[in-house]
Amino acid sequence: MKKVNVSELKSKLSAYLRAVRAGHEVIVLDRNLPVARITAIPEAEILTYTAASASVVDVFSHLPALSGNKRTLNSLALLIADRERR
């Protein structure tokens, strides 16, 4: 288990993430008080997250499809319509 202050974690994040991937646990300290724990995600969960992220494309299903190279979409109209739905 490694302990690291927030400032050092920010400056060396990649190195700490490599350590987590290698199986180490990192405890994050804020003013020397533990505030978070960084651990690796089990392989089975990684597959779940990967599969779930594939459905993000569905967010755009309400937009009209582009046909060929024609630019027939009015981006301002789409923006206004999106804001009205919120």
C-alpha atoms as a PDB file:
ATOM      1  CA  MET A   1       0.000   0.000   0.000  1.00  0.00           C
ATOM      2  CA  LYS A   2       1.342   3.399  -1.027  1.00  0.00           C
ATOM      3  CA  LYS A   3       0.345   6.705   0.540  1.00  0.00           C
ATOM      4  CA  VAL A   4       0.502   9.940  -1.418  1.00  0.00           C
ATOM      5  CA  ASN A   5      -0.509  13.556  -0.865  1.00  0.00           C
ATOM      6  CA  VAL A   6      -2.821  15.162  -3.426  1.00  0.00           C
ATOM      7  CA  SER A   7      -0.136  17.476  -4.825  1.00  0.00           C
ATOM      8  CA  GLU A   8       2.274  14.608  -5.513  1.00  0.00           C
ATOM      9  CA  LEU A   9      -0.527  12.468  -6.966  1.00  0.00           C
ATOM     10  CA  LYS A  10      -1.429  15.272  -9.382  1.00  0.00           C
ATOM     11  CA  SER A  11       2.148  15.669 -10.555  1.00  0.00           C
ATOM     12  CA  LYS A  12       2.867  11.927 -10.880  1.00  0.00           C
ATOM     13  CA  LEU A  13      -0.554  10.497 -11.663  1.00  0.00           C
ATOM     14  CA  SER A  14       0.635   8.244 -14.491  1.00  0.00           C
ATOM     15  CA  ALA A  15       3.228   6.588 -12.267  1.00  0.00           C
ATOM     16  CA  TYR A  16       0.665   5.919  -9.540  1.00  0.00           C
ATOM     17  CA  LEU A  17      -1.819   4.507 -12.059  1.00  0.00           C
ATOM     18  CA  ARG A  18       0.883   2.125 -13.298  1.00  0.00           C
ATOM     19  CA  ALA A  19       1.392   1.007  -9.696  1.00  0.00           C
ATOM     20  CA  VAL A  20      -2.365   0.427  -9.315  1.00  0.00           C
ATOM     21  CA  ARG A  21      -2.428  -1.621 -12.532  1.00  0.00           C
ATOM     22  CA  ALA A  22       0.433  -3.665 -11.085  1.00  0.00           C
ATOM     23  CA  GLY A  23      -1.729  -4.526  -8.078  1.00  0.00           C
ATOM     24  CA  HIS A  24      -0.759  -1.864  -5.544  1.00  0.00           C
ATOM     25  CA  GLU A  25      -3.284   0.139  -3.578  1.00  0.00           C
ATOM     26  CA  VAL A  26      -2.811   3.909  -3.259  1.00  0.00           C
ATOM     27  CA  ILE A  27      -4.167   5.876  -0.317  1.00  0.00           C
ATOM     28  CA  VAL A  28      -4.685   9.564  -1.139  1.00  0.00           C
ATOM     29  CA  LEU A  29      -3.957  12.013   1.664  1.00  0.00           C
ATOM     30  CA  ASP A  30      -5.226  15.572   1.964  1.00  0.00           C
ATOM     31  CA  ARG A  31      -3.108  17.441   4.495  1.00  0.00           C
ATOM     32  CA  ASN A  32      -1.907  14.049   5.746  1.00  0.00           C
ATOM     33  CA  LEU A  33      -5.467  12.788   6.333  1.00  0.00           C
ATOM     34  CA  PRO A  34      -6.653   9.793   4.241  1.00  0.00           C
ATOM     35  CA  VAL A  35      -9.494  10.819   1.920  1.00  0.00           C
ATOM     36  CA  ALA A  36      -9.538   8.206  -0.844  1.00  0.00           C
ATOM     37  CA  ARG A  37      -8.293   4.790  -1.888  1.00  0.00           C
ATOM     38  CA  ILE A  38      -7.317   3.950  -5.465  1.00  0.00           C
ATOM     39  CA  THR A  39      -7.470   0.268  -6.352  1.00  0.00           C
ATOM     40  CA  ALA A  40      -7.524  -1.653  -9.609  1.00  0.00           C
ATOM     41  CA  ILE A  41     -10.873  -2.596 -11.125  1.00  0.00           C
ATOM     42  CA  PRO A  42     -11.274  -6.393 -11.397  1.00  0.00           C
ATOM     43  CA  GLU A  43     -11.093  -7.733 -14.966  1.00  0.00           C
ATOM     44  CA  ALA A  44     -14.755  -8.799 -14.970  1.00  0.00           C
ATOM     45  CA  GLU A  45     -15.866  -5.273 -14.105  1.00  0.00           C
ATOM     46  CA  ILE A  46     -13.656  -3.778 -16.816  1.00  0.00           C
ATOM     47  CA  LEU A  47     -15.542  -5.835 -19.378  1.00  0.00           C
ATOM     48  CA  THR A  48     -18.844  -4.599 -17.915  1.00  0.00           C
ATOM     49  CA  TYR A  49     -17.757  -0.945 -18.157  1.00  0.00           C
ATOM     50  CA  THR A  50     -16.483  -1.484 -21.705  1.00  0.00           C
ATOM     51  CA  ALA A  51     -19.764  -3.047 -22.809  1.00  0.00           C
ATOM     52  CA  ALA A  52     -21.774  -0.276 -21.145  1.00  0.00           C
ATOM     53  CA  SER A  53     -19.785   2.460 -22.887  1.00  0.00           C
ATOM     54  CA  ALA A  54     -20.754   1.028 -26.278  1.00  0.00           C
ATOM     55  CA  SER A  55     -24.344   2.164 -25.679  1.00  0.00           C
ATOM     56  CA  VAL A  56     -23.344   5.827 -25.427  1.00  0.00           C
ATOM     57  CA  VAL A  57     -23.890   6.198 -29.179  1.00  0.00           C
ATOM     58  CA  ASP A  58     -27.641   5.791 -28.581  1.00  0.00           C
ATOM     59  CA  VAL A  59     -27.699   9.285 -27.075  1.00  0.00           C
ATOM     60  CA  PHE A  60     -27.588  10.692 -30.599  1.00  0.00           C
ATOM     61  CA  SER A  61     -30.390   8.528 -32.023  1.00  0.00           C
ATOM     62  CA  HIS A  62     -32.865  11.454 -32.031  1.00  0.00           C
ATOM     63  CA  LEU A  63     -30.687  13.428 -34.496  1.00  0.00           C
ATOM     64  CA  PRO A  64     -31.411  13.207 -38.204  1.00  0.00           C
ATOM     65  CA  ALA A  65     -29.043  11.006 -40.170  1.00  0.00           C
ATOM     66  CA  LEU A  66     -26.528  12.537 -42.551  1.00  0.00           C
ATOM     67  CA  SER A  67     -26.887  11.516 -46.157  1.00  0.00           C
ATOM     68  CA  GLY A  68     -23.720  11.415 -48.253  1.00  0.00           C
ATOM     69  CA  ASN A  69     -21.593  14.544 -48.233  1.00  0.00           C
ATOM     70  CA  LYS A  70     -24.574  16.905 -48.097  1.00  0.00           C
ATOM     71  CA  ARG A  71     -24.612  19.176 -45.090  1.00  0.00           C
ATOM     72  CA  THR A  72     -28.364  19.530 -44.662  1.00  0.00           C
ATOM     73  CA  LEU A  73     -28.377  19.850 -40.877  1.00  0.00           C
ATOM     74  CA  ASN A  74     -29.036  23.204 -39.283  1.00  0.00           C
ATOM     75  CA  SER A  75     -26.810  23.112 -36.215  1.00  0.00           C
ATOM     76  CA  LEU A  76     -28.484  26.139 -34.654  1.00  0.00           C
ATOM     77  CA  ALA A  77     -31.902  24.517 -34.973  1.00  0.00           C
ATOM     78  CA  LEU A  78     -30.558  21.305 -33.425  1.00  0.00           C
ATOM     79  CA  LEU A  79     -29.025  23.254 -30.532  1.00  0.00           C
ATOM     80  CA  ILE A  80     -32.260  25.123 -29.864  1.00  0.00           C
ATOM     81  CA  ALA A  81     -34.299  21.910 -30.051  1.00  0.00           C
ATOM     82  CA  ASP A  82     -31.930  20.205 -27.627  1.00  0.00           C
ATOM     83  CA  ARG A  83     -32.168  23.071 -25.148  1.00  0.00           C
ATOM     84  CA  GLU A  84     -35.965  23.093 -25.364  1.00  0.00           C
ATOM     85  CA  ARG A  85     -36.053  19.377 -24.455  1.00  0.00           C
ATOM     86  CA  ARG A  86     -34.139  20.036 -21.220  1.00  0.00           C
END
